[in-house]
Amino acid sequence: MKGLHKVTFILLVIGGLNWGLEVFVVGVGSFLPSSIATLIYVLVGLSALVEIFTHKGNCKECEVKGGGAPSMGGM
């Protein structure tokens, strides 16, 4: 599962950067053929779903310790 988590994290970063670049009309959809861009969008969407359903098991910060609410780090 650790490898899957790394792949989904990388795809989510790529997706987030692409959304930011779309503001300037230089995102993935602007340069790649539509079929490849669609494939990338589907992979990013699937990565988001994987992270939604598996994040708690992969994230040390989300573990509940002592039965209380998860720690908010330095907040």
Protein backbone atom coordinates (compact mmCIF):
# COMPACT_ATOMS: atom_id res chain seq x y z
CA MET A 1 0.00 0.00 0.00
CA LYS A 2 2.93 2.35 0.57
CA GLY A 3 3.78 2.34 -3.15
CA LEU A 4 0.17 3.06 -4.09
CA HIS A 5 0.10 5.93 -1.61
CA LYS A 6 3.24 7.45 -3.17
CA VAL A 7 1.81 7.18 -6.70
CA THR A 8 -1.53 8.71 -5.69
CA PHE A 9 0.22 11.51 -3.81
CA ILE A 10 2.36 12.35 -6.85
CA LEU A 11 -0.70 12.32 -9.12
CA LEU A 12 -2.58 14.59 -6.72
CA VAL A 13 0.32 17.06 -6.69
CA ILE A 14 0.39 17.01 -10.49
CA GLY A 15 -3.38 17.56 -10.55
CA GLY A 16 -3.17 20.44 -8.11
CA LEU A 17 -0.37 22.12 -10.06
CA ASN A 18 -2.32 21.63 -13.26
CA TRP A 19 -5.37 23.36 -11.77
CA GLY A 20 -3.15 26.29 -10.82
CA LEU A 21 -1.63 26.44 -14.29
CA GLU A 22 -5.08 26.33 -15.92
CA VAL A 23 -5.63 29.86 -14.57
CA PHE A 24 -2.93 30.99 -17.00
CA VAL A 25 -4.18 28.63 -19.76
CA VAL A 26 -1.00 26.57 -19.68
CA GLY A 27 -2.27 23.38 -18.06
CA VAL A 28 -2.09 19.82 -19.37
CA GLY A 29 -5.23 20.27 -21.46
CA SER A 30 -3.57 23.03 -23.46
CA PHE A 31 -0.58 21.03 -24.71
CA LEU A 32 -1.51 17.37 -24.91
CA PRO A 33 -3.95 15.60 -27.21
CA SER A 34 -7.37 15.40 -25.61
CA SER A 35 -7.21 11.60 -25.13
CA ILE A 36 -3.97 11.83 -23.13
CA ALA A 37 -5.23 14.82 -21.13
CA THR A 38 -8.43 12.90 -20.36
CA LEU A 39 -6.37 9.91 -19.19
CA ILE A 40 -4.37 12.16 -16.86
CA TYR A 41 -7.57 13.73 -15.48
CA VAL A 42 -9.05 10.26 -14.86
CA LEU A 43 -5.86 9.09 -13.09
CA VAL A 44 -5.84 12.19 -10.88
CA GLY A 45 -9.53 11.66 -10.05
CA LEU A 46 -8.97 8.00 -9.20
CA SER A 47 -5.99 9.00 -7.06
CA ALA A 48 -8.22 11.36 -5.10
CA LEU A 49 -10.72 8.56 -4.48
CA VAL A 50 -7.96 6.19 -3.34
CA GLU A 51 -6.64 8.82 -0.93
CA ILE A 52 -10.13 9.56 0.41
CA PHE A 53 -10.72 5.92 1.27
CA THR A 54 -7.20 4.93 2.41
CA HIS A 55 -5.74 8.14 3.87
CA LYS A 56 -6.50 7.42 7.50
CA GLY A 57 -4.57 4.16 7.36
CA ASN A 58 -1.57 5.79 5.66
CA CYS A 59 -1.29 9.04 7.62
CA LYS A 60 0.50 9.12 10.95
CA GLU A 61 -1.07 12.51 11.80
CA CYS A 62 -4.59 11.09 11.41
CA GLU A 63 -4.10 8.25 13.87
CA VAL A 64 -6.23 8.64 16.97
CA LYS A 65 -4.09 8.17 20.07
CA GLY A 66 -5.59 7.67 23.50
CA GLY A 67 -9.17 7.67 22.22
CA GLY A 68 -9.25 11.44 21.72
CA ALA A 69 -9.51 13.57 18.64
CA PRO A 70 -6.61 13.52 16.18
CA SER A 71 -3.84 16.00 16.87
CA MET A 72 -3.83 19.17 14.78
CA GLY A 73 -0.04 19.37 14.83
CA GLY A 74 1.17 22.83 15.79
CA MET A 75 -2.24 24.46 15.51
